[in-house]
């Protein structure tokens, strides 16, 4: 028997295959978490996929065209300095 416990839905293993379409709808549309029980104890959870966080090391689109010199410690060329500093 499927039981709605507020934060999640609990269902016994034997009933999962019969109610799988309904369970998937609850997860997909409602963002619900399904606890699958065996003899009243949770053995698995069915939940929406976690959103993938953005890569913190990915280059931001605003600076995508910036070229970084291969050797950051190489001496600066004359054209690298502002004209007032030459």
C-alpha atoms as a PDB file:
ATOM      1  CA  UNK A   1       0.000   0.000   0.000  1.00  0.00           C
ATOM      2  CA  UNK A   2       1.343   3.409  -0.994  1.00  0.00           C
ATOM      3  CA  UNK A   3       1.443   5.867   1.917  1.00  0.00           C
ATOM      4  CA  UNK A   4       1.943   9.609   1.524  1.00  0.00           C
ATOM      5  CA  UNK A   5       4.003  10.709   4.513  1.00  0.00           C
ATOM      6  CA  UNK A   6       4.203  14.383   3.607  1.00  0.00           C
ATOM      7  CA  UNK A   7       7.877  14.744   2.759  1.00  0.00           C
ATOM      8  CA  UNK A   8       7.942  11.468   0.860  1.00  0.00           C
ATOM      9  CA  UNK A   9       5.825   8.578  -0.364  1.00  0.00           C
ATOM     10  CA  UNK A  10       6.445   5.109   1.106  1.00  0.00           C
ATOM     11  CA  UNK A  11       5.636   1.929  -0.798  1.00  0.00           C
ATOM     12  CA  UNK A  12       6.438  -1.756  -0.310  1.00  0.00           C
ATOM     13  CA  UNK A  13       8.701  -3.461  -2.869  1.00  0.00           C
ATOM     14  CA  UNK A  14       5.948  -5.835  -4.009  1.00  0.00           C
ATOM     15  CA  UNK A  15       3.780  -2.884  -5.089  1.00  0.00           C
ATOM     16  CA  UNK A  16       6.445  -0.883  -6.939  1.00  0.00           C
ATOM     17  CA  UNK A  17       6.094  -2.605 -10.325  1.00  0.00           C
ATOM     18  CA  UNK A  18       2.318  -2.217 -10.298  1.00  0.00           C
ATOM     19  CA  UNK A  19       2.462   1.479  -9.363  1.00  0.00           C
ATOM     20  CA  UNK A  20       5.695   2.442 -11.151  1.00  0.00           C
ATOM     21  CA  UNK A  21       4.069   4.825 -13.680  1.00  0.00           C
ATOM     22  CA  UNK A  22       2.299   6.687 -10.858  1.00  0.00           C
ATOM     23  CA  UNK A  23       5.489   6.808  -8.805  1.00  0.00           C
ATOM     24  CA  UNK A  24       7.517   8.160 -11.714  1.00  0.00           C
ATOM     25  CA  UNK A  25       4.886  10.853 -12.317  1.00  0.00           C
ATOM     26  CA  UNK A  26       5.095  11.887  -8.657  1.00  0.00           C
ATOM     27  CA  UNK A  27       8.875  12.158  -8.925  1.00  0.00           C
ATOM     28  CA  UNK A  28       8.971  13.840 -12.340  1.00  0.00           C
ATOM     29  CA  UNK A  29       6.115  16.317 -11.971  1.00  0.00           C
ATOM     30  CA  UNK A  30       5.942  16.821  -8.243  1.00  0.00           C
ATOM     31  CA  UNK A  31       9.586  16.447  -7.255  1.00  0.00           C
ATOM     32  CA  UNK A  32       8.550  13.867  -4.648  1.00  0.00           C
ATOM     33  CA  UNK A  33      10.887  11.346  -3.051  1.00  0.00           C
ATOM     34  CA  UNK A  34       9.724   7.725  -2.998  1.00  0.00           C
ATOM     35  CA  UNK A  35      10.932   5.421  -0.218  1.00  0.00           C
ATOM     36  CA  UNK A  36      10.826   1.787  -1.287  1.00  0.00           C
ATOM     37  CA  UNK A  37      10.247  -0.443   1.730  1.00  0.00           C
ATOM     38  CA  UNK A  38      10.919  -4.086   2.518  1.00  0.00           C
ATOM     39  CA  UNK A  39       9.063  -5.254   5.592  1.00  0.00           C
ATOM     40  CA  UNK A  40       8.452  -1.647   6.585  1.00  0.00           C
ATOM     41  CA  UNK A  41      12.125  -0.592   6.353  1.00  0.00           C
ATOM     42  CA  UNK A  42      13.444   1.748   3.653  1.00  0.00           C
ATOM     43  CA  UNK A  43      15.804  -0.095   1.309  1.00  0.00           C
ATOM     44  CA  UNK A  44      15.960   2.428  -1.563  1.00  0.00           C
ATOM     45  CA  UNK A  45      14.850   5.879  -2.649  1.00  0.00           C
ATOM     46  CA  UNK A  46      13.542   7.096  -5.979  1.00  0.00           C
ATOM     47  CA  UNK A  47      14.100  10.818  -6.402  1.00  0.00           C
ATOM     48  CA  UNK A  48      14.525  13.453  -9.112  1.00  0.00           C
ATOM     49  CA  UNK A  49      18.047  13.723 -10.484  1.00  0.00           C
ATOM     50  CA  UNK A  50      20.239  16.279  -8.789  1.00  0.00           C
ATOM     51  CA  UNK A  51      20.833  19.339 -10.881  1.00  0.00           C
ATOM     52  CA  UNK A  52      24.361  19.525 -12.175  1.00  0.00           C
ATOM     53  CA  UNK A  53      26.160  22.525 -10.707  1.00  0.00           C
ATOM     54  CA  UNK A  54      28.170  24.626 -13.121  1.00  0.00           C
ATOM     55  CA  UNK A  55      31.860  23.817 -13.406  1.00  0.00           C
ATOM     56  CA  UNK A  56      33.617  26.302 -11.102  1.00  0.00           C
ATOM     57  CA  UNK A  57      36.718  26.117 -13.308  1.00  0.00           C
ATOM     58  CA  UNK A  58      34.899  26.772 -16.589  1.00  0.00           C
ATOM     59  CA  UNK A  59      35.806  30.002 -18.343  1.00  0.00           C
ATOM     60  CA  UNK A  60      33.114  32.681 -18.058  1.00  0.00           C
ATOM     61  CA  UNK A  61      31.612  33.633 -21.453  1.00  0.00           C
ATOM     62  CA  UNK A  62      32.545  37.318 -20.945  1.00  0.00           C
ATOM     63  CA  UNK A  63      36.246  36.460 -20.922  1.00  0.00           C
ATOM     64  CA  UNK A  64      36.137  33.562 -23.398  1.00  0.00           C
ATOM     65  CA  UNK A  65      38.295  35.494 -25.898  1.00  0.00           C
ATOM     66  CA  UNK A  66      41.000  36.467 -23.406  1.00  0.00           C
ATOM     67  CA  UNK A  67      44.297  34.837 -24.273  1.00  0.00           C
ATOM     68  CA  UNK A  68      46.485  33.842 -21.368  1.00  0.00           C
ATOM     69  CA  UNK A  69      50.194  33.678 -22.071  1.00  0.00           C
ATOM     70  CA  UNK A  70      51.616  30.197 -21.651  1.00  0.00           C
ATOM     71  CA  UNK A  71      54.360  31.490 -19.328  1.00  0.00           C
ATOM     72  CA  UNK A  72      52.956  33.904 -16.764  1.00  0.00           C
ATOM     73  CA  UNK A  73      56.481  34.677 -15.501  1.00  0.00           C
ATOM     74  CA  UNK A  74      57.969  35.575 -18.878  1.00  0.00           C
ATOM     75  CA  UNK A  75      59.152  39.195 -19.145  1.00  0.00           C
ATOM     76  CA  UNK A  76      56.626  41.600 -20.651  1.00  0.00           C
ATOM     77  CA  UNK A  77      57.255  42.843 -24.180  1.00  0.00           C
ATOM     78  CA  UNK A  78      57.306  46.548 -24.972  1.00  0.00           C
ATOM     79  CA  UNK A  79      53.758  46.449 -26.437  1.00  0.00           C
ATOM     80  CA  UNK A  80      52.443  44.860 -23.219  1.00  0.00           C
ATOM     81  CA  UNK A  81      53.103  48.062 -21.258  1.00  0.00           C
ATOM     82  CA  UNK A  82      50.749  51.042 -21.456  1.00  0.00           C
ATOM     83  CA  UNK A  83      52.292  53.889 -23.476  1.00  0.00           C
ATOM     84  CA  UNK A  84      52.474  56.179 -20.419  1.00  0.00           C
ATOM     85  CA  UNK A  85      54.643  53.608 -18.618  1.00  0.00           C
ATOM     86  CA  UNK A  86      57.219  53.075 -21.415  1.00  0.00           C
END
